[in-house]
C-alpha cells in the first residue's frame, strides 16, 4: 500500500478487487434481510440472520465488539439516525428500518447501509427515502480523480437540505475504508465545493448520507451509541462503498440485488423507486 497523503491509504487494483468482494458480501447479506423483513419480525432476528450469513461465507462481522459495540449490525428504526441496538421489539407496519453492517473478508472491510419501508407510510416519508437514496448517487458522481471531498459533501447537502429542506446530520460522517473499518479522510454530508482533500485514484470511501425529515439536530441515548433525531421525526440512511476513479467512480457494493429482493417481498414498500 502507498500512503502518499498523511494517513490516507490508496489501494492497488488488486486490493480494490478484494474490497469489492467484501462489499458484495455485505450487499448479499442485506438482500437476505430484504427477502424476509416483515411486520412482527424483530431487529434482533435481523442481527442473528446477518451474523450467520456473514460467517457462513467465511467472513467476520465488522461491527461486533468494534470499540465495544455489542451487536453485529446497527438497526435504526424511525427516529433513530444510526447505531441503533438490535432488540426484541416487534417491527410494525409503517416502520422505517435502516440496517448498517460490515464484514471482514480476506482482511478487508465492506461497510454499507440500506433503509427499508415496512408497508404503507406517508408521502413525506416516501419522498425523504427517495431523496436520501438519490443524494447518495449525487455524492458518488463527485468521487472522481481531481475533485475534493467537499465536492461530495456539497452535492449531498445541496440535494437534500438546500433544495428540499431536510436536516443533514453534522455529527456523523462517511469515511475512508480498507483494512480498517474507519480510515481517513472523513466524508461529511455537508460542505463547500472545492474544500477538503483532493482525491486520487483508488481511494476507497464509504459515502453515507444521514438525512432527517425535520431538524438536523440529534442526541445520543444513555447507551452511548443510539443516535436519535432531536425532534423525534424520521431519519433515513443509505451507504455505498465507492472507489475513486478518473472519469466515473467505481461502486463496489450492489444495491441491485437488494432492490430485487425488496420488490419480491410484498411486505416492503418500493413505490418510491
Protein backbone atom coordinates (compact mmCIF):
# COMPACT_ATOMS: atom_id res chain seq x y z
CA UNK A 1 0.00 0.00 0.00
CA UNK A 2 1.04 3.58 -0.68
CA UNK A 3 0.45 6.35 1.85
CA UNK A 4 1.02 9.48 -0.24
CA UNK A 5 -1.05 11.89 1.84
CA UNK A 6 -0.62 11.54 5.59
CA UNK A 7 -2.70 8.64 6.85
CA UNK A 8 -4.83 8.38 3.71
CA UNK A 9 -4.30 4.92 2.24
CA UNK A 10 -4.63 4.39 -1.51
CA UNK A 11 -5.25 0.84 -2.66
CA UNK A 12 -3.79 -1.16 -5.51
CA UNK A 13 -6.11 -2.53 -8.18
CA UNK A 14 -5.73 -5.99 -6.65
CA UNK A 15 -6.70 -4.64 -3.23
CA UNK A 16 -9.72 -2.86 -4.69
CA UNK A 17 -10.82 -6.17 -6.20
CA UNK A 18 -10.62 -7.81 -2.77
CA UNK A 19 -12.55 -4.92 -1.24
CA UNK A 20 -15.26 -5.39 -3.84
CA UNK A 21 -15.67 -9.00 -2.70
CA UNK A 22 -16.15 -7.81 0.89
CA UNK A 23 -18.57 -5.09 -0.21
CA UNK A 24 -20.61 -7.54 -2.26
CA UNK A 25 -20.88 -9.89 0.69
CA UNK A 26 -22.48 -7.07 2.68
CA UNK A 27 -24.85 -6.37 -0.23
CA UNK A 28 -25.80 -10.05 -0.40
CA UNK A 29 -26.42 -10.08 3.35
CA UNK A 30 -28.70 -7.04 3.13
CA UNK A 31 -30.51 -8.77 0.26
CA UNK A 32 -31.18 -11.69 2.62
CA UNK A 33 -32.74 -9.20 5.03
CA UNK A 34 -34.86 -7.79 2.20
CA UNK A 35 -36.20 -11.26 1.42
CA UNK A 36 -37.67 -11.85 4.88
CA UNK A 37 -38.25 -8.47 6.53
CA UNK A 38 -41.88 -8.03 7.64
CA UNK A 39 -44.03 -6.69 10.47
CA UNK A 40 -43.71 -8.89 13.55
CA UNK A 41 -40.03 -9.57 12.96
CA UNK A 42 -37.51 -8.14 15.42
CA UNK A 43 -34.24 -6.37 14.75
CA UNK A 44 -32.53 -8.97 16.95
CA UNK A 45 -33.66 -11.62 14.46
CA UNK A 46 -32.12 -9.49 11.71
CA UNK A 47 -28.89 -9.31 13.67
CA UNK A 48 -28.78 -13.10 14.02
CA UNK A 49 -29.58 -13.64 10.34
CA UNK A 50 -26.81 -11.27 9.22
CA UNK A 51 -24.20 -12.71 11.55
CA UNK A 52 -24.95 -16.24 10.41
CA UNK A 53 -24.87 -15.34 6.71
CA UNK A 54 -21.54 -13.48 7.02
CA UNK A 55 -19.90 -16.30 8.98
CA UNK A 56 -21.28 -18.93 6.59
CA UNK A 57 -19.34 -17.09 3.89
CA UNK A 58 -16.10 -17.34 5.86
CA UNK A 59 -16.11 -13.70 6.90
CA UNK A 60 -16.34 -11.83 10.21
CA UNK A 61 -18.95 -9.21 11.17
CA UNK A 62 -17.09 -5.89 11.29
CA UNK A 63 -19.19 -4.18 13.94
CA UNK A 64 -19.22 -6.78 16.73
CA UNK A 65 -17.01 -5.52 19.59
CA UNK A 66 -15.80 -2.57 17.49
CA UNK A 67 -14.97 -0.02 20.22
CA UNK A 68 -17.23 -2.09 22.43
CA UNK A 69 -20.27 -2.17 20.15
CA UNK A 70 -22.23 -5.24 21.35
CA UNK A 71 -24.03 -6.36 18.18
CA UNK A 72 -23.39 -7.49 14.61
CA UNK A 73 -25.44 -4.80 12.87
CA UNK A 74 -26.86 -1.38 13.60
CA UNK A 75 -30.65 -1.44 13.32
CA UNK A 76 -32.08 2.07 13.34
CA UNK A 77 -35.87 2.42 13.32
CA UNK A 78 -37.83 5.61 12.57
CA UNK A 79 -36.26 8.45 14.62
CA UNK A 80 -33.00 6.57 15.19
CA UNK A 81 -30.38 8.01 12.85
CA UNK A 82 -27.62 5.41 13.29
CA UNK A 83 -26.11 2.92 15.74
CA UNK A 84 -29.42 1.55 16.94
CA UNK A 85 -29.10 -1.58 19.07
CA UNK A 86 -30.96 -4.65 17.75
CA UNK A 87 -33.72 -5.61 20.18
CA UNK A 88 -36.74 -7.88 20.63
CA UNK A 89 -39.42 -5.27 19.91
CA UNK A 90 -41.60 -6.43 17.03
CA UNK A 91 -41.46 -4.22 13.95
CA UNK A 92 -44.79 -2.87 12.74
CA UNK A 93 -46.48 -1.58 9.61
CA UNK A 94 -45.17 1.89 8.76
CA UNK A 95 -41.75 1.46 10.36
CA UNK A 96 -38.71 2.80 8.52
CA UNK A 97 -35.79 0.45 9.20
CA UNK A 98 -32.16 1.24 8.39
CA UNK A 99 -29.69 -1.65 8.58
CA UNK A 100 -26.00 -0.73 8.64
CA UNK A 101 -23.45 -3.53 8.73
CA UNK A 102 -19.96 -4.57 7.77
CA UNK A 103 -17.99 -7.71 7.01
CA UNK A 104 -14.29 -8.52 7.03
CA UNK A 105 -13.38 -10.84 4.16
CA UNK A 106 -9.75 -11.73 3.42
CA UNK A 107 -8.66 -8.91 5.73
CA UNK A 108 -10.71 -6.18 4.01
CA UNK A 109 -13.86 -4.40 5.19
CA UNK A 110 -17.13 -3.94 3.37
CA UNK A 111 -19.47 -1.47 5.10
CA UNK A 112 -22.76 -0.11 3.89
CA UNK A 113 -26.35 0.61 4.83
CA UNK A 114 -29.83 0.41 3.37
CA UNK A 115 -33.20 1.75 4.52
CA UNK A 116 -36.36 -0.36 4.19
CA UNK A 117 -40.01 0.72 4.46
CA UNK A 118 -42.47 -1.70 6.06
CA UNK A 119 -45.84 -1.29 4.37
CA UNK A 120 -47.72 1.97 3.94
CA UNK A 121 -46.21 5.29 5.02
CA UNK A 122 -47.00 8.92 4.31
CA UNK A 123 -45.95 10.60 1.08
CA UNK A 124 -43.49 12.79 3.01
CA UNK A 125 -41.69 9.68 4.29
CA UNK A 126 -41.57 8.20 0.79
CA UNK A 127 -40.05 11.41 -0.54
CA UNK A 128 -37.47 11.50 2.28
CA UNK A 129 -36.34 7.95 1.49
CA UNK A 130 -36.25 8.70 -2.24
CA UNK A 131 -34.27 11.92 -1.82
CA UNK A 132 -31.76 10.39 0.59
CA UNK A 133 -31.07 7.50 -1.75
CA UNK A 134 -30.76 9.84 -4.71
CA UNK A 135 -28.42 12.13 -2.78
CA UNK A 136 -26.05 9.21 -2.26
CA UNK A 137 -25.66 8.91 -6.02
CA UNK A 138 -25.24 12.68 -6.35
CA UNK A 139 -22.32 12.36 -3.95
CA UNK A 140 -20.89 9.34 -5.77
CA UNK A 141 -20.86 11.30 -9.04
CA UNK A 142 -18.30 13.63 -7.45
CA UNK A 143 -15.95 10.82 -6.32
CA UNK A 144 -13.55 11.20 -9.23
CA UNK A 145 -9.85 11.95 -9.51
CA UNK A 146 -9.06 15.64 -9.08
CA UNK A 147 -12.21 16.51 -7.17
CA UNK A 148 -12.16 17.23 -3.47
CA UNK A 149 -14.05 15.56 -0.66
CA UNK A 150 -16.03 18.78 -0.22
CA UNK A 151 -17.50 18.26 -3.69
CA UNK A 152 -19.14 15.07 -2.43
CA UNK A 153 -20.33 16.82 0.71
CA UNK A 154 -21.78 19.78 -1.19
CA UNK A 155 -23.64 17.57 -3.66
CA UNK A 156 -25.41 15.68 -0.85
CA UNK A 157 -26.26 18.78 1.16
CA UNK A 158 -27.42 20.74 -1.86
CA UNK A 159 -29.78 17.96 -2.98
CA UNK A 160 -31.35 17.29 0.41
CA UNK A 161 -31.08 20.38 2.59
CA UNK A 162 -30.90 23.32 0.21
CA UNK A 163 -33.39 22.03 -2.35
CA UNK A 164 -35.77 20.09 -0.08
CA UNK A 165 -35.37 21.49 3.41
CA UNK A 166 -34.36 18.27 5.13
CA UNK A 167 -31.95 18.16 8.06
CA UNK A 168 -28.42 16.95 7.21
CA UNK A 169 -26.75 15.41 10.25
CA UNK A 170 -23.45 17.07 11.10
CA UNK A 171 -22.15 14.88 13.92
CA UNK A 172 -21.75 11.71 11.84
CA UNK A 173 -19.89 11.36 8.56
CA UNK A 174 -18.71 8.97 5.88
CA UNK A 175 -15.12 7.79 5.85
CA UNK A 176 -12.29 6.00 4.16
CA UNK A 177 -12.40 2.21 4.18
CA UNK A 178 -9.87 -0.58 3.85
CA UNK A 179 -8.15 -2.95 6.24
CA UNK A 180 -9.62 -0.72 8.94
CA UNK A 181 -13.33 -0.01 9.25
CA UNK A 182 -12.69 3.71 9.51
CA UNK A 183 -9.82 5.35 7.66
CA UNK A 184 -9.07 8.91 6.59
CA UNK A 185 -10.49 11.02 5.12
CA UNK A 186 -13.78 11.84 6.77
CA UNK A 187 -16.59 12.49 4.29
CA UNK A 188 -19.20 14.88 5.73
CA UNK A 189 -22.63 15.15 4.15
CA UNK A 190 -22.43 18.93 4.20
CA UNK A 191 -19.77 21.34 2.99
CA UNK A 192 -18.44 23.57 0.25
CA UNK A 193 -17.26 22.76 -3.23
CA UNK A 194 -13.50 22.77 -3.55
CA UNK A 195 -12.83 22.11 0.14
CA UNK A 196 -11.11 19.14 1.68
CA UNK A 197 -8.66 16.53 0.45
CA UNK A 198 -8.07 16.28 -3.29
CA UNK A 199 -8.98 12.74 -4.28
CA UNK A 200 -6.61 10.43 -6.12
CA UNK A 201 -7.25 7.14 -7.88
CA UNK A 202 -8.07 4.09 -5.75
CA UNK A 203 -9.11 5.98 -2.66
CA UNK A 204 -11.96 3.88 -1.25
CA UNK A 205 -14.73 5.70 0.59
CA UNK A 206 -17.89 4.80 2.46
CA UNK A 207 -20.28 7.58 1.42
CA UNK A 208 -23.32 7.65 3.67
CA UNK A 209 -25.93 10.41 3.77
CA UNK A 210 -27.93 10.51 7.01
CA UNK A 211 -30.90 12.76 6.35
CA UNK A 212 -33.67 13.80 8.76
CA UNK A 213 -37.24 14.74 7.91
CA UNK A 214 -37.04 17.63 10.34
CA UNK A 215 -34.19 19.22 12.25
CA UNK A 216 -30.55 18.31 11.67
CA UNK A 217 -30.05 18.17 15.45
CA UNK A 218 -29.53 14.82 17.14
CA UNK A 219 -28.78 13.37 20.57
CA UNK A 220 -27.31 10.12 21.88
CA UNK A 221 -29.23 7.78 24.19
CA UNK A 222 -27.90 6.70 27.57
CA UNK A 223 -26.50 3.52 25.99
CA UNK A 224 -23.79 5.74 24.48
CA UNK A 225 -24.50 4.55 20.94
CA UNK A 226 -28.05 5.10 19.72
CA UNK A 227 -28.33 8.44 17.91
CA UNK A 228 -31.82 9.94 17.54
CA UNK A 229 -33.32 12.99 15.90
CA UNK A 230 -33.88 15.81 18.37
CA UNK A 231 -37.48 16.37 17.20
CA UNK A 232 -38.44 12.69 17.03
CA UNK A 233 -39.02 12.75 13.28
CA UNK A 234 -37.86 10.05 10.88
CA UNK A 235 -34.26 9.72 9.68
CA UNK A 236 -33.00 7.78 6.65
CA UNK A 237 -29.55 6.30 5.99
CA UNK A 238 -28.05 4.91 2.80
CA UNK A 239 -24.38 3.99 2.27
CA UNK A 240 -22.27 2.67 -0.60
CA UNK A 241 -18.62 1.59 -0.80
CA UNK A 242 -17.01 3.60 -3.60
CA UNK A 243 -13.59 3.64 -5.28
CA UNK A 244 -12.38 6.93 -6.76
CA UNK A 245 -11.54 6.65 -10.47
CA UNK A 246 -10.59 9.09 -13.24
CA UNK A 247 -13.89 9.66 -15.03
CA UNK A 248 -16.52 7.79 -13.05
CA UNK A 249 -16.48 6.34 -9.56
CA UNK A 250 -16.47 2.56 -9.20
CA UNK A 251 -19.25 1.46 -6.83
CA UNK A 252 -18.05 -1.67 -5.04
CA UNK A 253 -21.33 -2.54 -3.34
CA UNK A 254 -24.50 -3.54 -5.18
CA UNK A 255 -27.98 -2.20 -4.40
CA UNK A 256 -29.41 -4.06 -7.40
CA UNK A 257 -29.63 -7.38 -5.58
CA UNK A 258 -31.16 -5.69 -2.53
CA UNK A 259 -33.74 -3.89 -4.64
CA UNK A 260 -34.68 -7.09 -6.46
CA UNK A 261 -35.31 -8.82 -3.14
CA UNK A 262 -37.31 -5.80 -1.90
CA UNK A 263 -39.57 -5.83 -4.94
CA UNK A 264 -40.27 -9.54 -4.45
CA UNK A 265 -41.26 -9.04 -0.79
CA UNK A 266 -44.90 -7.87 -0.51
CA UNK A 267 -44.25 -6.54 3.00
CA UNK A 268 -41.82 -3.88 1.76
CA UNK A 269 -42.82 -0.60 0.13
CA UNK A 270 -40.85 0.14 -3.04
CA UNK A 271 -43.26 2.65 -4.54
CA UNK A 272 -40.64 5.40 -4.27
CA UNK A 273 -38.33 3.63 -6.79
